[in-house]
C-alpha atoms as a PDB file:
ATOM      1  CA  MET A   1     -50.738 347.169  89.348  1.00  0.00           C
ATOM      2  CA  LYS A   2     -47.242 348.632  89.118  1.00  0.00           C
ATOM      3  CA  LYS A   3     -46.658 347.964  92.833  1.00  0.00           C
ATOM      4  CA  LYS A   4     -47.704 344.318  92.419  1.00  0.00           C
ATOM      5  CA  LEU A   5     -45.346 343.934  89.459  1.00  0.00           C
ATOM      6  CA  VAL A   6     -42.455 345.342  91.493  1.00  0.00           C
ATOM      7  CA  LEU A   7     -43.240 343.037  94.409  1.00  0.00           C
ATOM      8  CA  ALA A   8     -43.469 340.037  92.099  1.00  0.00           C
ATOM      9  CA  SER A   9     -40.163 340.955  90.484  1.00  0.00           C
ATOM     10  CA  LEU A  10     -38.501 341.294  93.874  1.00  0.00           C
ATOM     11  CA  ALA A  11     -39.941 337.946  94.957  1.00  0.00           C
ATOM     12  CA  LEU A  12     -38.585 336.268  91.820  1.00  0.00           C
ATOM     13  CA  LEU A  13     -35.199 337.899  92.322  1.00  0.00           C
ATOM     14  CA  GLY A  14     -35.132 336.771  95.949  1.00  0.00           C
ATOM     15  CA  ALA A  15     -36.083 333.216  94.991  1.00  0.00           C
ATOM     16  CA  GLY A  16     -33.377 333.157  92.311  1.00  0.00           C
ATOM     17  CA  LEU A  17     -30.714 334.388  94.743  1.00  0.00           C
ATOM     18  CA  PHE A  18     -31.824 331.857  97.344  1.00  0.00           C
ATOM     19  CA  CYS A  19     -31.585 328.982  94.842  1.00  0.00           C
ATOM     20  CA  TRP A  20     -28.151 330.179  93.702  1.00  0.00           C
ATOM     21  CA  TRP A  21     -26.947 330.294  97.307  1.00  0.00           C
ATOM     22  CA  GLN A  22     -28.362 326.826  98.042  1.00  0.00           C
ATOM     23  CA  ASN A  23     -26.356 325.380  95.149  1.00  0.00           C
ATOM     24  CA  ASN A  24     -23.194 327.507  95.362  1.00  0.00           C
ATOM     25  CA  GLY A  25     -22.834 328.508  99.017  1.00  0.00           C
ATOM     26  CA  LEU A  26     -20.100 326.071 100.023  1.00  0.00           C
ATOM     27  CA  VAL A  27     -20.297 324.592 103.533  1.00  0.00           C
ATOM     28  CA  VAL A  28     -17.259 323.155 105.353  1.00  0.00           C
ATOM     29  CA  THR A  29     -18.305 320.495 107.862  1.00  0.00           C
ATOM     30  CA  GLU A  30     -15.757 319.606 110.545  1.00  0.00           C
ATOM     31  CA  MET A  31     -16.035 316.224 112.304  1.00  0.00           C
ATOM     32  CA  GLU A  32     -13.916 314.253 114.743  1.00  0.00           C
ATOM     33  CA  TYR A  33     -13.526 310.497 114.536  1.00  0.00           C
ATOM     34  CA  ILE A  34     -12.499 309.112 117.936  1.00  0.00           C
ATOM     35  CA  ASN A  35     -11.177 305.576 118.291  1.00  0.00           C
ATOM     36  CA  GLU A  36      -8.419 304.229 120.534  1.00  0.00           C
ATOM     37  CA  LYS A  37      -7.352 302.072 117.569  1.00  0.00           C
ATOM     38  CA  VAL A  38      -6.061 305.175 115.767  1.00  0.00           C
ATOM     39  CA  PRO A  39      -2.257 304.895 115.884  1.00  0.00           C
ATOM     40  CA  PRO A  40      -0.804 307.610 118.174  1.00  0.00           C
ATOM     41  CA  ALA A  41       1.200 309.128 115.316  1.00  0.00           C
ATOM     42  CA  PHE A  42      -2.058 309.675 113.400  1.00  0.00           C
ATOM     43  CA  ALA A  43      -3.850 311.489 116.224  1.00  0.00           C
ATOM     44  CA  GLY A  44      -4.758 314.906 114.800  1.00  0.00           C
ATOM     45  CA  PHE A  45      -4.449 313.640 111.210  1.00  0.00           C
ATOM     46  CA  ARG A  46      -6.832 315.632 108.998  1.00  0.00           C
ATOM     47  CA  ILE A  47      -8.661 314.158 106.013  1.00  0.00           C
ATOM     48  CA  VAL A  48     -10.597 316.349 103.571  1.00  0.00           C
ATOM     49  CA  GLN A  49     -13.324 314.581 101.590  1.00  0.00           C
ATOM     50  CA  VAL A  50     -14.460 315.728  98.148  1.00  0.00           C
ATOM     51  CA  SER A  51     -17.430 313.861  96.721  1.00  0.00           C
ATOM     52  CA  ASP A  52     -19.844 314.117  93.792  1.00  0.00           C
ATOM     53  CA  LEU A  53     -18.371 317.220  92.208  1.00  0.00           C
ATOM     54  CA  HIS A  54     -19.977 316.350  88.840  1.00  0.00           C
ATOM     55  CA  ASN A  55     -17.820 318.853  86.907  1.00  0.00           C
ATOM     56  CA  LYS A  56     -19.095 321.748  89.021  1.00  0.00           C
ATOM     57  CA  GLU A  57     -16.900 324.812  89.514  1.00  0.00           C
ATOM     58  CA  PHE A  58     -16.932 327.007  92.596  1.00  0.00           C
ATOM     59  CA  GLY A  59     -15.355 330.087  91.131  1.00  0.00           C
ATOM     60  CA  ARG A  60     -13.084 330.158  88.143  1.00  0.00           C
ATOM     61  CA  GLY A  61     -10.921 327.044  88.115  1.00  0.00           C
ATOM     62  CA  ASN A  62     -12.678 325.941  91.328  1.00  0.00           C
ATOM     63  CA  ALA A  63     -10.786 328.665  93.174  1.00  0.00           C
ATOM     64  CA  ARG A  64     -13.250 328.838  96.079  1.00  0.00           C
ATOM     65  CA  LEU A  65     -13.261 325.082  96.600  1.00  0.00           C
ATOM     66  CA  LEU A  66      -9.480 324.861  96.448  1.00  0.00           C
ATOM     67  CA  ALA A  67      -9.158 327.771  98.886  1.00  0.00           C
ATOM     68  CA  ALA A  68     -11.456 325.957 101.341  1.00  0.00           C
ATOM     69  CA  ILE A  69      -9.352 322.792 101.036  1.00  0.00           C
ATOM     70  CA  ARG A  70      -6.159 324.759 101.592  1.00  0.00           C
ATOM     71  CA  GLU A  71      -7.629 326.499 104.636  1.00  0.00           C
ATOM     72  CA  ALA A  72      -8.564 323.111 106.144  1.00  0.00           C
ATOM     73  CA  ARG A  73      -4.842 322.185 106.307  1.00  0.00           C
ATOM     74  CA  PRO A  74      -5.343 318.570 105.226  1.00  0.00           C
ATOM     75  CA  ASP A  75      -2.837 315.778 105.587  1.00  0.00           C
ATOM     76  CA  LEU A  76      -4.803 313.916 102.937  1.00  0.00           C
ATOM     77  CA  VAL A  77      -7.532 314.636 100.371  1.00  0.00           C
ATOM     78  CA  VAL A  78      -9.888 311.800  99.415  1.00  0.00           C
ATOM     79  CA  ILE A  79     -12.242 311.900  96.415  1.00  0.00           C
ATOM     80  CA  THR A  80     -15.111 309.436  96.735  1.00  0.00           C
ATOM     81  CA  GLY A  81     -16.426 309.263  93.191  1.00  0.00           C
ATOM     82  CA  ASP A  82     -18.423 311.184  90.597  1.00  0.00           C
ATOM     83  CA  LEU A  83     -15.668 313.714  90.063  1.00  0.00           C
ATOM     84  CA  ALA A  84     -16.951 313.945  86.486  1.00  0.00           C
ATOM     85  CA  ASP A  85     -20.525 313.694  85.196  1.00  0.00           C
ATOM     86  CA  LYS A  86     -21.392 311.235  82.434  1.00  0.00           C
ATOM     87  CA  ARG A  87     -24.335 313.330  81.179  1.00  0.00           C
ATOM     88  CA  GLN A  88     -22.580 316.693  81.008  1.00  0.00           C
ATOM     89  CA  THR A  89     -19.006 315.548  80.839  1.00  0.00           C
ATOM     90  CA  ASN A  90     -16.204 318.067  81.135  1.00  0.00           C
ATOM     91  CA  VAL A  91     -13.133 316.007  81.869  1.00  0.00           C
ATOM     92  CA  GLU A  92     -10.869 319.054  81.905  1.00  0.00           C
ATOM     93  CA  VAL A  93     -12.722 320.575  84.876  1.00  0.00           C
ATOM     94  CA  ALA A  94     -12.227 317.337  86.800  1.00  0.00           C
ATOM     95  CA  ARG A  95      -8.580 316.964  85.777  1.00  0.00           C
ATOM     96  CA  SER A  96      -7.699 320.572  86.548  1.00  0.00           C
ATOM     97  CA  PHE A  97      -9.294 320.449  89.992  1.00  0.00           C
ATOM     98  CA  ALA A  98      -7.507 317.189  90.823  1.00  0.00           C
ATOM     99  CA  ALA A  99      -4.154 318.576  89.694  1.00  0.00           C
ATOM    100  CA  GLU A 100      -4.519 321.709  91.847  1.00  0.00           C
ATOM    101  CA  ALA A 101      -5.738 319.731  94.875  1.00  0.00           C
ATOM    102  CA  ALA A 102      -2.672 317.475  94.574  1.00  0.00           C
ATOM    103  CA  LYS A 103      -0.503 320.556  95.113  1.00  0.00           C
ATOM    104  CA  ILE A 104      -2.123 321.029  98.534  1.00  0.00           C
ATOM    105  CA  ALA A 105      -1.910 317.462  99.907  1.00  0.00           C
ATOM    106  CA  PRO A 106      -1.695 313.874  98.630  1.00  0.00           C
ATOM    107  CA  VAL A 107      -4.938 313.008  96.792  1.00  0.00           C
ATOM    108  CA  PHE A 108      -6.526 309.552  96.670  1.00  0.00           C
ATOM    109  CA  TYR A 109      -9.518 308.689  94.504  1.00  0.00           C
ATOM    110  CA  VAL A 110     -12.084 305.949  93.851  1.00  0.00           C
ATOM    111  CA  ALA A 111     -14.548 305.827  90.975  1.00  0.00           C
ATOM    112  CA  GLY A 112     -18.260 306.508  91.318  1.00  0.00           C
ATOM    113  CA  ASN A 113     -21.100 305.333  89.108  1.00  0.00           C
ATOM    114  CA  HIS A 114     -20.732 308.297  86.741  1.00  0.00           C
ATOM    115  CA  GLU A 115     -17.145 307.428  85.863  1.00  0.00           C
ATOM    116  CA  GLN A 116     -18.431 304.121  84.535  1.00  0.00           C
ATOM    117  CA  GLY A 117     -20.050 306.109  81.708  1.00  0.00           C
ATOM    118  CA  LEU A 118     -16.745 307.718  80.630  1.00  0.00           C
ATOM    119  CA  ASP A 119     -13.725 306.378  78.760  1.00  0.00           C
ATOM    120  CA  TYR A 120     -12.510 305.369  82.174  1.00  0.00           C
ATOM    121  CA  GLY A 121      -9.088 304.082  81.164  1.00  0.00           C
ATOM    122  CA  GLU A 122      -8.239 307.480  79.709  1.00  0.00           C
ATOM    123  CA  PHE A 123      -9.755 309.275  82.707  1.00  0.00           C
ATOM    124  CA  ARG A 124      -7.651 307.237  85.153  1.00  0.00           C
ATOM    125  CA  ASN A 125      -4.531 308.095  83.167  1.00  0.00           C
ATOM    126  CA  LEU A 126      -5.383 311.803  83.308  1.00  0.00           C
ATOM    127  CA  LEU A 127      -5.821 311.645  87.080  1.00  0.00           C
ATOM    128  CA  ALA A 128      -2.569 309.754  87.533  1.00  0.00           C
ATOM    129  CA  ALA A 129      -0.750 312.348  85.403  1.00  0.00           C
ATOM    130  CA  ALA A 130      -2.300 315.048  87.626  1.00  0.00           C
ATOM    131  CA  GLY A 131      -0.659 313.471  90.675  1.00  0.00           C
ATOM    132  CA  VAL A 132      -3.694 311.571  92.001  1.00  0.00           C
ATOM    133  CA  THR A 133      -3.431 308.011  93.347  1.00  0.00           C
ATOM    134  CA  VAL A 134      -6.334 305.896  92.057  1.00  0.00           C
ATOM    135  CA  LEU A 135      -7.418 303.240  94.566  1.00  0.00           C
ATOM    136  CA  ASP A 136     -10.051 301.282  92.625  1.00  0.00           C
ATOM    137  CA  ASN A 137      -9.976 297.870  94.319  1.00  0.00           C
ATOM    138  CA  ALA A 138      -6.540 298.678  95.675  1.00  0.00           C
ATOM    139  CA  GLY A 139      -4.931 299.643  98.943  1.00  0.00           C
ATOM    140  CA  ILE A 140      -1.815 301.318 100.272  1.00  0.00           C
ATOM    141  CA  THR A 141      -0.191 301.725 103.667  1.00  0.00           C
ATOM    142  CA  LEU A 142       0.203 305.226 105.065  1.00  0.00           C
ATOM    143  CA  GLU A 143       3.244 305.640 107.311  1.00  0.00           C
ATOM    144  CA  ARG A 144       3.803 308.304 109.956  1.00  0.00           C
ATOM    145  CA  GLN A 145       6.573 308.256 112.538  1.00  0.00           C
ATOM    146  CA  GLY A 146       6.925 304.512 112.131  1.00  0.00           C
ATOM    147  CA  GLU A 147       3.190 303.781 112.557  1.00  0.00           C
ATOM    148  CA  HIS A 148       0.772 302.677 109.851  1.00  0.00           C
ATOM    149  CA  VAL A 149      -2.798 303.023 108.568  1.00  0.00           C
ATOM    150  CA  ALA A 150      -4.326 301.034 105.715  1.00  0.00           C
ATOM    151  CA  LEU A 151      -6.046 303.206 103.095  1.00  0.00           C
ATOM    152  CA  LEU A 152      -8.286 301.073 100.865  1.00  0.00           C
ATOM    153  CA  GLY A 153     -10.505 301.864  97.886  1.00  0.00           C
ATOM    154  CA  LEU A 154     -13.401 300.118  96.160  1.00  0.00           C
ATOM    155  CA  ALA A 155     -14.482 300.813  92.585  1.00  0.00           C
ATOM    156  CA  ASP A 156     -18.197 301.512  92.259  1.00  0.00           C
ATOM    157  CA  PRO A 157     -20.581 298.557  91.754  1.00  0.00           C
ATOM    158  CA  ALA A 158     -21.674 300.185  88.476  1.00  0.00           C
ATOM    159  CA  PHE A 159     -18.542 298.618  87.007  1.00  0.00           C
ATOM    160  CA  LEU A 160     -20.012 295.221  87.975  1.00  0.00           C
ATOM    161  CA  ASP A 161     -23.528 295.719  86.597  1.00  0.00           C
ATOM    162  CA  TYR A 162     -22.916 293.101  83.927  1.00  0.00           C
ATOM    163  CA  ALA A 163     -22.431 290.428  86.620  1.00  0.00           C
ATOM    164  CA  LEU A 164     -25.372 288.607  88.156  1.00  0.00           C
ATOM    165  CA  ASP A 165     -23.457 288.296  91.418  1.00  0.00           C
ATOM    166  CA  ALA A 166     -22.230 291.915  91.498  1.00  0.00           C
ATOM    167  CA  GLU A 167     -22.960 292.278  95.230  1.00  0.00           C
ATOM    168  CA  GLU A 168     -20.933 289.182  96.008  1.00  0.00           C
ATOM    169  CA  ILE A 169     -18.031 290.355  93.850  1.00  0.00           C
ATOM    170  CA  PHE A 170     -18.101 293.776  95.547  1.00  0.00           C
ATOM    171  CA  ALA A 171     -17.887 292.108  98.967  1.00  0.00           C
ATOM    172  CA  ARG A 172     -15.178 289.720  97.754  1.00  0.00           C
ATOM    173  CA  ASN A 173     -13.099 292.640  96.457  1.00  0.00           C
ATOM    174  CA  LEU A 174     -13.223 294.248  99.888  1.00  0.00           C
ATOM    175  CA  ALA A 175     -12.356 290.979 101.643  1.00  0.00           C
ATOM    176  CA  GLY A 176      -9.295 290.661  99.418  1.00  0.00           C
ATOM    177  CA  LEU A 177      -8.172 294.176 100.316  1.00  0.00           C
ATOM    178  CA  MET A 178      -8.610 293.503 104.020  1.00  0.00           C
ATOM    179  CA  ALA A 179      -6.635 290.271 103.805  1.00  0.00           C
ATOM    180  CA  GLY A 180      -3.642 292.228 102.592  1.00  0.00           C
ATOM    181  CA  HIS A 181      -3.825 294.666 105.525  1.00  0.00           C
ATOM    182  CA  ALA A 182      -4.773 292.403 108.429  1.00  0.00           C
ATOM    183  CA  GLY A 183      -4.587 293.875 111.905  1.00  0.00           C
ATOM    184  CA  MET A 184      -4.185 297.480 110.744  1.00  0.00           C
ATOM    185  CA  PHE A 185      -6.414 300.468 111.399  1.00  0.00           C
ATOM    186  CA  THR A 186      -8.384 300.755 108.148  1.00  0.00           C
ATOM    187  CA  VAL A 187      -9.840 303.679 106.219  1.00  0.00           C
ATOM    188  CA  LEU A 188     -11.998 302.801 103.200  1.00  0.00           C
ATOM    189  CA  LEU A 189     -13.005 305.003 100.268  1.00  0.00           C
ATOM    190  CA  SER A 190     -16.222 303.833  98.598  1.00  0.00           C
ATOM    191  CA  HIS A 191     -18.841 305.779  96.689  1.00  0.00           C
ATOM    192  CA  ARG A 192     -21.857 303.887  98.080  1.00  0.00           C
ATOM    193  CA  PRO A 193     -23.183 304.482 101.620  1.00  0.00           C
ATOM    194  CA  GLU A 194     -25.980 301.907 101.278  1.00  0.00           C
ATOM    195  CA  LYS A 195     -23.353 299.127 101.348  1.00  0.00           C
ATOM    196  CA  ILE A 196     -22.510 299.776 105.010  1.00  0.00           C
ATOM    197  CA  ASP A 197     -23.421 296.200 105.987  1.00  0.00           C
ATOM    198  CA  ILE A 198     -20.629 294.923 103.708  1.00  0.00           C
ATOM    199  CA  TYR A 199     -18.120 297.354 105.204  1.00  0.00           C
ATOM    200  CA  SER A 200     -19.146 296.427 108.733  1.00  0.00           C
ATOM    201  CA  ALA A 201     -18.973 292.689 108.033  1.00  0.00           C
ATOM    202  CA  GLN A 202     -15.328 293.132 107.029  1.00  0.00           C
ATOM    203  CA  GLY A 203     -14.509 295.120 110.161  1.00  0.00           C
ATOM    204  CA  ILE A 204     -13.576 298.380 108.428  1.00  0.00           C
ATOM    205  CA  ASP A 205     -12.882 301.088 110.999  1.00  0.00           C
ATOM    206  CA  LEU A 206     -13.723 304.250 109.031  1.00  0.00           C
ATOM    207  CA  VAL A 207     -15.484 304.640 105.664  1.00  0.00           C
ATOM    208  CA  PHE A 208     -15.826 307.721 103.471  1.00  0.00           C
ATOM    209  CA  ALA A 209     -18.806 307.624 101.075  1.00  0.00           C
ATOM    210  CA  GLY A 210     -20.991 309.951  99.002  1.00  0.00           C
ATOM    211  CA  HIS A 211     -23.506 309.225  96.202  1.00  0.00           C
ATOM    212  CA  ALA A 212     -26.640 310.282  98.124  1.00  0.00           C
ATOM    213  CA  HIS A 213     -26.314 314.046  97.378  1.00  0.00           C
ATOM    214  CA  GLY A 214     -27.634 314.691 100.875  1.00  0.00           C
ATOM    215  CA  GLY A 215     -31.067 313.497  99.795  1.00  0.00           C
ATOM    216  CA  GLN A 216     -31.279 316.421  97.283  1.00  0.00           C
ATOM    217  CA  PHE A 217     -33.942 318.284  99.295  1.00  0.00           C
ATOM    218  CA  ARG A 218     -33.572 318.315 103.099  1.00  0.00           C
ATOM    219  CA  LEU A 219     -36.387 319.060 105.530  1.00  0.00           C
ATOM    220  CA  PRO A 220     -36.265 319.616 109.317  1.00  0.00           C
ATOM    221  CA  LEU A 221     -36.862 316.432 111.362  1.00  0.00           C
ATOM    222  CA  ILE A 222     -37.010 314.427 108.130  1.00  0.00           C
ATOM    223  CA  GLY A 223     -33.645 314.875 106.461  1.00  0.00           C
ATOM    224  CA  GLY A 224     -33.093 313.986 102.821  1.00  0.00           C
ATOM    225  CA  LEU A 225     -36.044 313.145 100.595  1.00  0.00           C
ATOM    226  CA  VAL A 226     -34.574 310.901  97.925  1.00  0.00           C
ATOM    227  CA  ALA A 227     -31.227 309.308  97.086  1.00  0.00           C
ATOM    228  CA  PRO A 228     -30.020 306.974  94.335  1.00  0.00           C
ATOM    229  CA  HIS A 229     -30.135 303.292  95.336  1.00  0.00           C
ATOM    230  CA  GLN A 230     -31.908 304.238  98.571  1.00  0.00           C
ATOM    231  CA  GLY A 231     -35.160 305.672  97.243  1.00  0.00           C
ATOM    232  CA  LEU A 232     -37.493 307.881  99.270  1.00  0.00           C
ATOM    233  CA  PHE A 233     -36.526 309.012 102.772  1.00  0.00           C
ATOM    234  CA  PRO A 234     -33.032 307.482 102.556  1.00  0.00           C
ATOM    235  CA  LYS A 235     -31.210 306.418 105.706  1.00  0.00           C
ATOM    236  CA  TYR A 236     -27.660 307.428 104.792  1.00  0.00           C
ATOM    237  CA  THR A 237     -27.381 310.954 103.418  1.00  0.00           C
ATOM    238  CA  SER A 238     -25.261 313.217 105.636  1.00  0.00           C
ATOM    239  CA  GLY A 239     -22.949 312.945 108.618  1.00  0.00           C
ATOM    240  CA  MET A 240     -21.477 310.014 110.512  1.00  0.00           C
ATOM    241  CA  TYR A 241     -23.192 306.642 110.953  1.00  0.00           C
ATOM    242  CA  GLU A 242     -22.172 303.575 112.932  1.00  0.00           C
ATOM    243  CA  GLU A 243     -22.825 299.897 112.372  1.00  0.00           C
ATOM    244  CA  GLY A 244     -20.998 297.489 114.624  1.00  0.00           C
ATOM    245  CA  ASP A 245     -17.415 298.670 114.923  1.00  0.00           C
ATOM    246  CA  THR A 246     -17.604 300.572 111.621  1.00  0.00           C
ATOM    247  CA  ALA A 247     -18.123 304.335 111.343  1.00  0.00           C
ATOM    248  CA  MET A 248     -19.132 305.810 107.984  1.00  0.00           C
ATOM    249  CA  VAL A 249     -18.894 309.459 106.957  1.00  0.00           C
ATOM    250  CA  VAL A 250     -21.349 310.405 104.190  1.00  0.00           C
ATOM    251  CA  SER A 251     -20.733 313.638 102.326  1.00  0.00           C
ATOM    252  CA  ARG A 252     -23.689 315.573 100.921  1.00  0.00           C
ATOM    253  CA  GLY A 253     -21.528 316.181  97.873  1.00  0.00           C
ATOM    254  CA  LEU A 254     -20.778 319.304  95.878  1.00  0.00           C
ATOM    255  CA  GLY A 255     -22.476 319.127  92.485  1.00  0.00           C
ATOM    256  CA  ASN A 256     -25.682 317.965  90.855  1.00  0.00           C
ATOM    257  CA  SER A 257     -26.477 315.592  88.023  1.00  0.00           C
ATOM    258  CA  ILE A 258     -29.973 314.582  86.863  1.00  0.00           C
ATOM    259  CA  PHE A 259     -31.748 317.112  89.078  1.00  0.00           C
ATOM    260  CA  PRO A 260     -30.037 320.516  88.971  1.00  0.00           C
ATOM    261  CA  LEU A 261     -31.326 321.993  92.235  1.00  0.00           C
ATOM    262  CA  ARG A 262     -30.604 321.479  95.937  1.00  0.00           C
ATOM    263  CA  LEU A 263     -32.802 322.860  98.711  1.00  0.00           C
ATOM    264  CA  PHE A 264     -31.679 323.285 102.343  1.00  0.00           C
ATOM    265  CA  ASN A 265     -28.752 321.113 101.329  1.00  0.00           C
ATOM    266  CA  ARG A 266     -25.818 323.308 100.425  1.00  0.00           C
ATOM    267  CA  PRO A 267     -22.710 321.818  98.763  1.00  0.00           C
ATOM    268  CA  GLU A 268     -20.446 320.276 101.377  1.00  0.00           C
ATOM    269  CA  LEU A 269     -16.726 319.855 101.890  1.00  0.00           C
ATOM    270  CA  VAL A 270     -16.066 317.421 104.766  1.00  0.00           C
ATOM    271  CA  VAL A 271     -13.053 317.592 107.082  1.00  0.00           C
ATOM    272  CA  VAL A 272     -12.466 314.695 109.491  1.00  0.00           C
ATOM    273  CA  THR A 273      -9.825 314.794 112.217  1.00  0.00           C
ATOM    274  CA  LEU A 274      -8.659 311.462 113.658  1.00  0.00           C
ATOM    275  CA  ARG A 275      -8.498 311.326 117.450  1.00  0.00           C
ATOM    276  CA  ARG A 276      -7.665 308.662 120.020  1.00  0.00           C
ATOM    277  CA  GLU A 277      -9.634 310.209 122.888  1.00  0.00           C
END
């Protein structure tokens, strides 16, 4: 009896450690995006993507996450939504992380669906004060050695839920951004991967998205099991996808929200290097 109790205790301890590791063992995924349209001056340009942090901390003050970003030597850090969590909101965790990340490299941010549940005007102001550039339905031109890349951002459709034609407005917002950066190599930040047809229709070159949390549970040969706005066995959960001339990088994200547990789906920091060949 005593032996069985010890074995059961060890099994429970092992299961607990495994679950902790699955939700706290940070993974850094390196990718290359190759396109001859990348301006020569931007060849080798490194972009770190942070997505779906949901107030989570990797070490005190997010020290482990910030160390991983620093080690990646980014030229740019992009945050693709859900930096804060509307159900367990801790704005200070989000603000503090953003402020420290901005000391490593320029940080650009777009809202996710969870930010829609905050006092978003105040949250935007906090991010701006922390040195973050907010790109909700806005775009800027990055310049390097006299060459240029358009960096565009779309606010999450959750901010359009009141509108019957929210999908049309979302697409129209992107078309307006593209019109102001015609002919340029374009990088888009958008929380939603399931909108890839809209991005492709506008001829976006490279998209960074999140939202799917990697499908929450991942199984061999199957991939993610469920994702918001994609349902069961979602198509876009992790890695790089292509539709037409558009490539889309989908981060598995870093934190959790409604469901507090990941399985075979460790938190992910994405690093993309732009290449011409």
